[in-house]
């Protein structure tokens, strides 16, 4: 379904989604580094992990807002129309 949506996204939406994924991955890496850092005490670890998770959740909410702009029925209809156009062009 998400692959079918890509054609419907505006360029700024595509850019935002890629940036969200990139930043989420950076925060996941930070969480892993923090959890494996033996020099940090438990309080510091918990604070850093919670802060990173909060940022990830916030970005995921933004991502979901973008995805929700395009309900499945709209996506399917647009995909069918595009495929019909491509097939008719291929017959020429």
PDB file of N, CA and C in Angstrom:
ATOM      1  N   UNK A   1       0.828  -1.196   0.000  1.00  0.00           N
ATOM      2  CA  UNK A   1       0.000   0.000   0.000  1.00  0.00           C
ATOM      3  C   UNK A   1       0.871   1.258   0.000  1.00  0.00           C
ATOM      4  N   UNK A   2       1.924   1.266   0.824  1.00  0.00           N
ATOM      5  CA  UNK A   2       2.757   2.460   0.909  1.00  0.00           C
ATOM      6  C   UNK A   2       3.469   2.749  -0.414  1.00  0.00           C
ATOM      7  N   UNK A   3       3.833   1.694  -1.138  1.00  0.00           N
ATOM      8  CA  UNK A   3       4.476   1.921  -2.431  1.00  0.00           C
ATOM      9  C   UNK A   3       3.519   2.576  -3.414  1.00  0.00           C
ATOM     10  N   UNK A   4       2.266   2.230  -3.329  1.00  0.00           N
ATOM     11  CA  UNK A   4       1.271   2.832  -4.206  1.00  0.00           C
ATOM     12  C   UNK A   4       1.057   4.300  -3.859  1.00  0.00           C
ATOM     13  N   UNK A   5       1.275   4.658  -2.608  1.00  0.00           N
ATOM     14  CA  UNK A   5       1.061   6.035  -2.155  1.00  0.00           C
ATOM     15  C   UNK A   5       2.124   6.995  -2.657  1.00  0.00           C
ATOM     16  N   UNK A   6       3.301   6.501  -2.930  1.00  0.00           N
ATOM     17  CA  UNK A   6       4.431   7.374  -3.241  1.00  0.00           C
ATOM     18  C   UNK A   6       4.108   8.356  -4.364  1.00  0.00           C
ATOM     19  N   UNK A   7       3.426   7.897  -5.383  1.00  0.00           N
ATOM     20  CA  UNK A   7       3.092   8.782  -6.500  1.00  0.00           C
ATOM     21  C   UNK A   7       2.152   9.911  -6.096  1.00  0.00           C
ATOM     22  N   UNK A   8       1.403   9.712  -5.040  1.00  0.00           N
ATOM     23  CA  UNK A   8       0.458  10.741  -4.607  1.00  0.00           C
ATOM     24  C   UNK A   8       1.110  11.806  -3.728  1.00  0.00           C
ATOM     25  N   UNK A   9       2.214  11.480  -3.091  1.00  0.00           N
ATOM     26  CA  UNK A   9       2.884  12.430  -2.203  1.00  0.00           C
ATOM     27  C   UNK A   9       3.451  13.600  -2.991  1.00  0.00           C
ATOM     28  N   UNK A  10       3.411  14.756  -2.361  1.00  0.00           N
ATOM     29  CA  UNK A  10       4.093  15.913  -2.943  1.00  0.00           C
ATOM     30  C   UNK A  10       5.587  15.768  -2.644  1.00  0.00           C
ATOM     31  N   UNK A  11       6.400  16.506  -3.362  1.00  0.00           N
ATOM     32  CA  UNK A  11       7.843  16.440  -3.115  1.00  0.00           C
ATOM     33  C   UNK A  11       8.207  16.823  -1.675  1.00  0.00           C
ATOM     34  N   UNK A  12       7.592  17.876  -1.105  1.00  0.00           N
ATOM     35  CA  UNK A  12       7.895  18.185   0.300  1.00  0.00           C
ATOM     36  C   UNK A  12       7.490  17.052   1.258  1.00  0.00           C
ATOM     37  N   UNK A  13       6.402  16.350   0.953  1.00  0.00           N
ATOM     38  CA  UNK A  13       5.996  15.222   1.796  1.00  0.00           C
ATOM     39  C   UNK A  13       7.000  14.080   1.695  1.00  0.00           C
ATOM     40  N   UNK A  14       7.458  13.809   0.486  1.00  0.00           N
ATOM     41  CA  UNK A  14       8.469  12.764   0.302  1.00  0.00           C
ATOM     42  C   UNK A  14       9.734  13.115   1.078  1.00  0.00           C
ATOM     43  N   UNK A  15      10.140  14.364   0.973  1.00  0.00           N
ATOM     44  CA  UNK A  15      11.336  14.818   1.677  1.00  0.00           C
ATOM     45  C   UNK A  15      11.150  14.687   3.189  1.00  0.00           C
ATOM     46  N   UNK A  16       9.990  15.068   3.674  1.00  0.00           N
ATOM     47  CA  UNK A  16       9.706  14.972   5.110  1.00  0.00           C
ATOM     48  C   UNK A  16       9.745  13.527   5.586  1.00  0.00           C
ATOM     49  N   UNK A  17       9.160  12.623   4.826  1.00  0.00           N
ATOM     50  CA  UNK A  17       9.149  11.215   5.213  1.00  0.00           C
ATOM     51  C   UNK A  17      10.561  10.632   5.255  1.00  0.00           C
ATOM     52  N   UNK A  18      11.373  10.993   4.283  1.00  0.00           N
ATOM     53  CA  UNK A  18      12.756  10.516   4.282  1.00  0.00           C
ATOM     54  C   UNK A  18      13.540  11.089   5.454  1.00  0.00           C
ATOM     55  N   UNK A  19      13.314  12.360   5.736  1.00  0.00           N
ATOM     56  CA  UNK A  19      14.000  12.998   6.858  1.00  0.00           C
ATOM     57  C   UNK A  19      13.563  12.393   8.192  1.00  0.00           C
ATOM     58  N   UNK A  20      12.279  12.095   8.309  1.00  0.00           N
ATOM     59  CA  UNK A  20      11.760  11.458   9.522  1.00  0.00           C
ATOM     60  C   UNK A  20      12.455  10.121   9.739  1.00  0.00           C
ATOM     61  N   UNK A  21      12.549   9.317   8.693  1.00  0.00           N
ATOM     62  CA  UNK A  21      13.194   8.006   8.824  1.00  0.00           C
ATOM     63  C   UNK A  21      14.671   8.143   9.176  1.00  0.00           C
ATOM     64  N   UNK A  22      15.339   9.089   8.561  1.00  0.00           N
ATOM     65  CA  UNK A  22      16.754   9.308   8.826  1.00  0.00           C
ATOM     66  C   UNK A  22      16.972   9.718  10.285  1.00  0.00           C
ATOM     67  N   UNK A  23      16.171  10.652  10.756  1.00  0.00           N
ATOM     68  CA  UNK A  23      16.316  11.119  12.142  1.00  0.00           C
ATOM     69  C   UNK A  23      15.910  10.044  13.146  1.00  0.00           C
ATOM     70  N   UNK A  24      14.881   9.268  12.811  1.00  0.00           N
ATOM     71  CA  UNK A  24      14.496   8.163  13.701  1.00  0.00           C
ATOM     72  C   UNK A  24      15.620   7.140  13.813  1.00  0.00           C
ATOM     73  N   UNK A  25      16.262   6.845  12.693  1.00  0.00           N
ATOM     74  CA  UNK A  25      17.372   5.899  12.726  1.00  0.00           C
ATOM     75  C   UNK A  25      18.522   6.442  13.569  1.00  0.00           C
ATOM     76  N   UNK A  26      18.790   7.721  13.451  1.00  0.00           N
ATOM     77  CA  UNK A  26      19.840   8.339  14.264  1.00  0.00           C
ATOM     78  C   UNK A  26      19.510   8.229  15.751  1.00  0.00           C
ATOM     79  N   UNK A  27      18.259   8.472  16.097  1.00  0.00           N
ATOM     80  CA  UNK A  27      17.863   8.364  17.503  1.00  0.00           C
ATOM     81  C   UNK A  27      17.895   6.912  17.989  1.00  0.00           C
ATOM     82  N   UNK A  28      17.540   5.954  17.128  1.00  0.00           N
ATOM     83  CA  UNK A  28      17.638   4.544  17.525  1.00  0.00           C
ATOM     84  C   UNK A  28      19.095   4.158  17.772  1.00  0.00           C
ATOM     85  N   UNK A  29      19.979   4.676  16.925  1.00  0.00           N
ATOM     86  CA  UNK A  29      21.411   4.433  17.121  1.00  0.00           C
ATOM     87  C   UNK A  29      21.882   5.054  18.435  1.00  0.00           C
ATOM     88  N   UNK A  30      21.398   6.259  18.717  1.00  0.00           N
ATOM     89  CA  UNK A  30      21.755   6.933  19.966  1.00  0.00           C
ATOM     90  C   UNK A  30      21.274   6.133  21.173  1.00  0.00           C
ATOM     91  N   UNK A  31      20.068   5.584  21.089  1.00  0.00           N
ATOM     92  CA  UNK A  31      19.544   4.758  22.177  1.00  0.00           C
ATOM     93  C   UNK A  31      20.444   3.550  22.394  1.00  0.00           C
ATOM     94  N   UNK A  32      20.831   2.891  21.314  1.00  0.00           N
ATOM     95  CA  UNK A  32      21.711   1.715  21.435  1.00  0.00           C
ATOM     96  C   UNK A  32      23.052   2.081  22.055  1.00  0.00           C
ATOM     97  N   UNK A  33      23.634   3.191  21.612  1.00  0.00           N
ATOM     98  CA  UNK A  33      24.911   3.631  22.179  1.00  0.00           C
ATOM     99  C   UNK A  33      24.761   3.967  23.658  1.00  0.00           C
ATOM    100  N   UNK A  34      23.669   4.625  23.993  1.00  0.00           N
ATOM    101  CA  UNK A  34      23.428   5.017  25.380  1.00  0.00           C
ATOM    102  C   UNK A  34      23.270   3.785  26.263  1.00  0.00           C
ATOM    103  N   UNK A  35      22.506   2.813  25.800  1.00  0.00           N
ATOM    104  CA  UNK A  35      22.280   1.605  26.590  1.00  0.00           C
ATOM    105  C   UNK A  35      23.560   0.798  26.776  1.00  0.00           C
ATOM    106  N   UNK A  36      24.483   0.900  25.840  1.00  0.00           N
ATOM    107  CA  UNK A  36      25.723   0.130  25.909  1.00  0.00           C
ATOM    108  C   UNK A  36      26.878   0.897  26.548  1.00  0.00           C
ATOM    109  N   UNK A  37      26.644   2.159  26.913  1.00  0.00           N
ATOM    110  CA  UNK A  37      27.698   2.971  27.526  1.00  0.00           C
ATOM    111  C   UNK A  37      27.765   2.670  29.026  1.00  0.00           C
ATOM    112  N   UNK A  38      28.810   1.990  29.425  1.00  0.00           N
ATOM    113  CA  UNK A  38      28.965   1.555  30.823  1.00  0.00           C
ATOM    114  C   UNK A  38      29.334   2.708  31.746  1.00  0.00           C
ATOM    115  N   UNK A  39      29.742   3.839  31.192  1.00  0.00           N
ATOM    116  CA  UNK A  39      30.144   4.976  32.024  1.00  0.00           C
ATOM    117  C   UNK A  39      28.951   5.750  32.571  1.00  0.00           C
ATOM    118  N   UNK A  40      27.778   5.569  31.973  1.00  0.00           N
ATOM    119  CA  UNK A  40      26.594   6.332  32.378  1.00  0.00           C
ATOM    120  C   UNK A  40      25.846   5.636  33.501  1.00  0.00           C
ATOM    121  N   UNK A  41      25.282   6.457  34.401  1.00  0.00           N
ATOM    122  CA  UNK A  41      24.452   5.860  35.448  1.00  0.00           C
ATOM    123  C   UNK A  41      23.038   5.631  34.920  1.00  0.00           C
ATOM    124  N   UNK A  42      22.244   4.897  35.663  1.00  0.00           N
ATOM    125  CA  UNK A  42      20.903   4.508  35.193  1.00  0.00           C
ATOM    126  C   UNK A  42      20.004   5.715  34.956  1.00  0.00           C
ATOM    127  N   UNK A  43      20.110   6.730  35.806  1.00  0.00           N
ATOM    128  CA  UNK A  43      19.287   7.935  35.626  1.00  0.00           C
ATOM    129  C   UNK A  43      19.576   8.613  34.299  1.00  0.00           C
ATOM    130  N   UNK A  44      20.846   8.791  34.001  1.00  0.00           N
ATOM    131  CA  UNK A  44      21.241   9.428  32.751  1.00  0.00           C
ATOM    132  C   UNK A  44      20.784   8.601  31.559  1.00  0.00           C
ATOM    133  N   UNK A  45      20.962   7.299  31.637  1.00  0.00           N
ATOM    134  CA  UNK A  45      20.526   6.406  30.559  1.00  0.00           C
ATOM    135  C   UNK A  45      19.028   6.547  30.336  1.00  0.00           C
ATOM    136  N   UNK A  46      18.262   6.481  31.413  1.00  0.00           N
ATOM    137  CA  UNK A  46      16.800   6.589  31.300  1.00  0.00           C
ATOM    138  C   UNK A  46      16.369   7.922  30.703  1.00  0.00           C
ATOM    139  N   UNK A  47      17.007   9.014  31.135  1.00  0.00           N
ATOM    140  CA  UNK A  47      16.657  10.342  30.614  1.00  0.00           C
ATOM    141  C   UNK A  47      16.933  10.440  29.118  1.00  0.00           C
ATOM    142  N   UNK A  48      18.109   9.968  28.714  1.00  0.00           N
ATOM    143  CA  UNK A  48      18.469  10.049  27.294  1.00  0.00           C
ATOM    144  C   UNK A  48      17.578   9.165  26.433  1.00  0.00           C
ATOM    145  N   UNK A  49      17.287   7.972  26.920  1.00  0.00           N
ATOM    146  CA  UNK A  49      16.429   7.059  26.165  1.00  0.00           C
ATOM    147  C   UNK A  49      15.016   7.628  26.052  1.00  0.00           C
ATOM    148  N   UNK A  50      14.486   8.149  27.150  1.00  0.00           N
ATOM    149  CA  UNK A  50      13.129   8.726  27.116  1.00  0.00           C
ATOM    150  C   UNK A  50      13.063   9.915  26.178  1.00  0.00           C
ATOM    151  N   UNK A  51      14.093  10.763  26.196  1.00  0.00           N
ATOM    152  CA  UNK A  51      14.109  11.929  25.310  1.00  0.00           C
ATOM    153  C   UNK A  51      14.140  11.494  23.840  1.00  0.00           C
ATOM    154  N   UNK A  52      14.969  10.496  23.535  1.00  0.00           N
ATOM    155  CA  UNK A  52      15.052  10.004  22.154  1.00  0.00           C
ATOM    156  C   UNK A  52      13.737   9.353  21.733  1.00  0.00           C
ATOM    157  N   UNK A  53      13.140   8.567  22.614  1.00  0.00           N
ATOM    158  CA  UNK A  53      11.859   7.929  22.292  1.00  0.00           C
ATOM    159  C   UNK A  53      10.766   8.965  22.081  1.00  0.00           C
ATOM    160  N   UNK A  54      10.797  10.031  22.855  1.00  0.00           N
ATOM    161  CA  UNK A  54       9.805  11.100  22.697  1.00  0.00           C
ATOM    162  C   UNK A  54       9.945  11.756  21.323  1.00  0.00           C
ATOM    163  N   UNK A  55      11.192  12.007  20.911  1.00  0.00           N
ATOM    164  CA  UNK A  55      11.419  12.586  19.581  1.00  0.00           C
ATOM    165  C   UNK A  55      10.954  11.633  18.481  1.00  0.00           C
ATOM    166  N   UNK A  56      11.251  10.354  18.639  1.00  0.00           N
ATOM    167  CA  UNK A  56      10.832   9.348  17.656  1.00  0.00           C
ATOM    168  C   UNK A  56       9.310   9.303  17.562  1.00  0.00           C
ATOM    169  N   UNK A  57       8.641   9.282  18.695  1.00  0.00           N
ATOM    170  CA  UNK A  57       7.173   9.239  18.705  1.00  0.00           C
ATOM    171  C   UNK A  57       6.574  10.478  18.053  1.00  0.00           C
ATOM    172  N   UNK A  58       7.168  11.626  18.323  1.00  0.00           N
ATOM    173  CA  UNK A  58       6.685  12.870  17.724  1.00  0.00           C
ATOM    174  C   UNK A  58       6.818  12.821  16.205  1.00  0.00           C
ATOM    175  N   UNK A  59       7.961  12.364  15.733  1.00  0.00           N
ATOM    176  CA  UNK A  59       8.157  12.255  14.283  1.00  0.00           C
ATOM    177  C   UNK A  59       7.239  11.202  13.673  1.00  0.00           C
ATOM    178  N   UNK A  60       7.016  10.100  14.378  1.00  0.00           N
ATOM    179  CA  UNK A  60       6.108   9.077  13.862  1.00  0.00           C
ATOM    180  C   UNK A  60       4.677   9.597  13.755  1.00  0.00           C
ATOM    181  N   UNK A  61       4.290  10.479  14.676  1.00  0.00           N
ATOM    182  CA  UNK A  61       2.962  11.100  14.583  1.00  0.00           C
ATOM    183  C   UNK A  61       2.871  11.969  13.334  1.00  0.00           C
ATOM    184  N   UNK A  62       3.933  12.709  13.051  1.00  0.00           N
ATOM    185  CA  UNK A  62       3.977  13.541  11.847  1.00  0.00           C
ATOM    186  C   UNK A  62       3.918  12.656  10.591  1.00  0.00           C
ATOM    187  N   UNK A  63       4.659  11.565  10.613  1.00  0.00           N
ATOM    188  CA  UNK A  63       4.651  10.618   9.498  1.00  0.00           C
ATOM    189  C   UNK A  63       3.240  10.068   9.272  1.00  0.00           C
ATOM    190  N   UNK A  64       2.581   9.696  10.353  1.00  0.00           N
ATOM    191  CA  UNK A  64       1.228   9.145  10.238  1.00  0.00           C
ATOM    192  C   UNK A  64       0.257  10.185   9.704  1.00  0.00           C
ATOM    193  N   UNK A  65       0.444  11.443  10.082  1.00  0.00           N
ATOM    194  CA  UNK A  65      -0.408  12.517   9.552  1.00  0.00           C
ATOM    195  C   UNK A  65      -0.268  12.606   8.030  1.00  0.00           C
ATOM    196  N   UNK A  66       0.946  12.484   7.545  1.00  0.00           N
ATOM    197  CA  UNK A  66       1.175  12.531   6.094  1.00  0.00           C
ATOM    198  C   UNK A  66       0.522  11.323   5.423  1.00  0.00           C
ATOM    199  N   UNK A  67       0.712  10.134   5.989  1.00  0.00           N
ATOM    200  CA  UNK A  67       0.143   8.921   5.404  1.00  0.00           C
ATOM    201  C   UNK A  67      -1.380   8.947   5.422  1.00  0.00           C
ATOM    202  N   UNK A  68      -1.951   9.519   6.469  1.00  0.00           N
ATOM    203  CA  UNK A  68      -3.410   9.558   6.604  1.00  0.00           C
ATOM    204  C   UNK A  68      -4.088  10.504   5.616  1.00  0.00           C
ATOM    205  N   UNK A  69      -3.313  11.379   4.998  1.00  0.00           N
ATOM    206  CA  UNK A  69      -3.888  12.275   3.988  1.00  0.00           C
ATOM    207  C   UNK A  69      -4.395  11.499   2.782  1.00  0.00           C
ATOM    208  N   UNK A  70      -3.888  10.281   2.616  1.00  0.00           N
ATOM    209  CA  UNK A  70      -4.208   9.476   1.443  1.00  0.00           C
ATOM    210  C   UNK A  70      -4.818   8.155   1.880  1.00  0.00           C
ATOM    211  N   UNK A  71      -6.146   8.120   2.044  1.00  0.00           N
ATOM    212  CA  UNK A  71      -6.806   6.886   2.476  1.00  0.00           C
ATOM    213  C   UNK A  71      -6.670   5.782   1.427  1.00  0.00           C
ATOM    214  N   UNK A  72      -6.747   4.527   1.867  1.00  0.00           N
ATOM    215  CA  UNK A  72      -6.542   3.382   0.956  1.00  0.00           C
ATOM    216  C   UNK A  72      -7.397   3.420  -0.307  1.00  0.00           C
ATOM    217  N   UNK A  73      -8.651   3.833  -0.198  1.00  0.00           N
ATOM    218  CA  UNK A  73      -9.506   3.833  -1.386  1.00  0.00           C
ATOM    219  C   UNK A  73      -9.026   4.852  -2.422  1.00  0.00           C
ATOM    220  N   UNK A  74      -8.515   5.988  -1.972  1.00  0.00           N
ATOM    221  CA  UNK A  74      -7.973   6.995  -2.889  1.00  0.00           C
ATOM    222  C   UNK A  74      -6.693   6.470  -3.535  1.00  0.00           C
ATOM    223  N   UNK A  75      -5.870   5.826  -2.735  1.00  0.00           N
ATOM    224  CA  UNK A  75      -4.610   5.258  -3.229  1.00  0.00           C
ATOM    225  C   UNK A  75      -4.891   4.197  -4.283  1.00  0.00           C
ATOM    226  N   UNK A  76      -5.807   3.288  -3.981  1.00  0.00           N
ATOM    227  CA  UNK A  76      -6.136   2.214  -4.920  1.00  0.00           C
ATOM    228  C   UNK A  76      -6.703   2.759  -6.224  1.00  0.00           C
ATOM    229  N   UNK A  77      -7.578   3.750  -6.127  1.00  0.00           N
ATOM    230  CA  UNK A  77      -8.178   4.340  -7.323  1.00  0.00           C
ATOM    231  C   UNK A  77      -7.112   5.018  -8.179  1.00  0.00           C
ATOM    232  N   UNK A  78      -6.237   5.785  -7.558  1.00  0.00           N
ATOM    233  CA  UNK A  78      -5.171   6.470  -8.290  1.00  0.00           C
ATOM    234  C   UNK A  78      -4.222   5.460  -8.927  1.00  0.00           C
ATOM    235  N   UNK A  79      -3.922   4.394  -8.210  1.00  0.00           N
ATOM    236  CA  UNK A  79      -3.025   3.355  -8.732  1.00  0.00           C
ATOM    237  C   UNK A  79      -3.654   2.662  -9.940  1.00  0.00           C
ATOM    238  N   UNK A  80      -4.934   2.325  -9.850  1.00  0.00           N
ATOM    239  CA  UNK A  80      -5.627   1.669 -10.969  1.00  0.00           C
ATOM    240  C   UNK A  80      -5.651   2.582 -12.193  1.00  0.00           C
ATOM    241  N   UNK A  81      -5.914   3.864 -11.967  1.00  0.00           N
ATOM    242  CA  UNK A  81      -5.931   4.819 -13.085  1.00  0.00           C
ATOM    243  C   UNK A  81      -4.554   4.923 -13.730  1.00  0.00           C
ATOM    244  N   UNK A  82      -3.531   5.001 -12.916  1.00  0.00           N
ATOM    245  CA  UNK A  82      -2.173   5.110 -13.445  1.00  0.00           C
ATOM    246  C   UNK A  82      -1.800   3.858 -14.229  1.00  0.00           C
ATOM    247  N   UNK A  83      -2.136   2.683 -13.699  1.00  0.00           N
ATOM    248  CA  UNK A  83      -1.811   1.430 -14.388  1.00  0.00           C
ATOM    249  C   UNK A  83      -2.582   1.321 -15.705  1.00  0.00           C
ATOM    250  N   UNK A  84      -3.826   1.764 -15.712  1.00  0.00           N
ATOM    251  CA  UNK A  84      -4.609   1.737 -16.949  1.00  0.00           C
ATOM    252  C   UNK A  84      -3.970   2.645 -17.993  1.00  0.00           C
ATOM    253  N   UNK A  85      -3.502   3.802 -17.568  1.00  0.00           N
ATOM    254  CA  UNK A  85      -2.832   4.726 -18.479  1.00  0.00           C
ATOM    255  C   UNK A  85      -1.557   4.098 -19.032  1.00  0.00           C
ATOM    256  N   UNK A  86      -0.777   3.482 -18.168  1.00  0.00           N
ATOM    257  CA  UNK A  86       0.478   2.862 -18.591  1.00  0.00           C
ATOM    258  C   UNK A  86       0.205   1.725 -19.580  1.00  0.00           C
ATOM    259  N   UNK A  87      -0.822   0.914 -19.289  1.00  0.00           N
ATOM    260  CA  UNK A  87      -1.161  -0.193 -20.204  1.00  0.00           C
ATOM    261  C   UNK A  87      -1.620   0.309 -21.550  1.00  0.00           C
ATOM    262  N   UNK A  88      -2.411   1.376 -21.557  1.00  0.00           N
ATOM    263  CA  UNK A  88      -2.885   1.910 -22.833  1.00  0.00           C
ATOM    264  C   UNK A  88      -1.725   2.522 -23.624  1.00  0.00           C
ATOM    265  N   UNK A  89      -0.769   3.112 -22.932  1.00  0.00           N
ATOM    266  CA  UNK A  89       0.408   3.667 -23.612  1.00  0.00           C
ATOM    267  C   UNK A  89       1.284   2.539 -24.160  1.00  0.00           C
ATOM    268  N   UNK A  90       1.341   1.425 -23.468  1.00  0.00           N
ATOM    269  CA  UNK A  90       2.156   0.298 -23.914  1.00  0.00           C
ATOM    270  C   UNK A  90       1.579  -0.338 -25.192  1.00  0.00           C
ATOM    271  N   UNK A  91       0.274  -0.248 -25.374  1.00  0.00           N
ATOM    272  CA  UNK A  91      -0.378  -0.829 -26.555  1.00  0.00           C
ATOM    273  C   UNK A  91      -0.119   0.001 -27.799  1.00  0.00           C
ATOM    274  N   UNK A  92       0.278   1.240 -27.634  1.00  0.00           N
ATOM    275  CA  UNK A  92       0.484   2.127 -28.802  1.00  0.00           C
ATOM    276  C   UNK A  92       1.652   1.716 -29.604  1.00  0.00           C
TER     277      UNK A  92
END
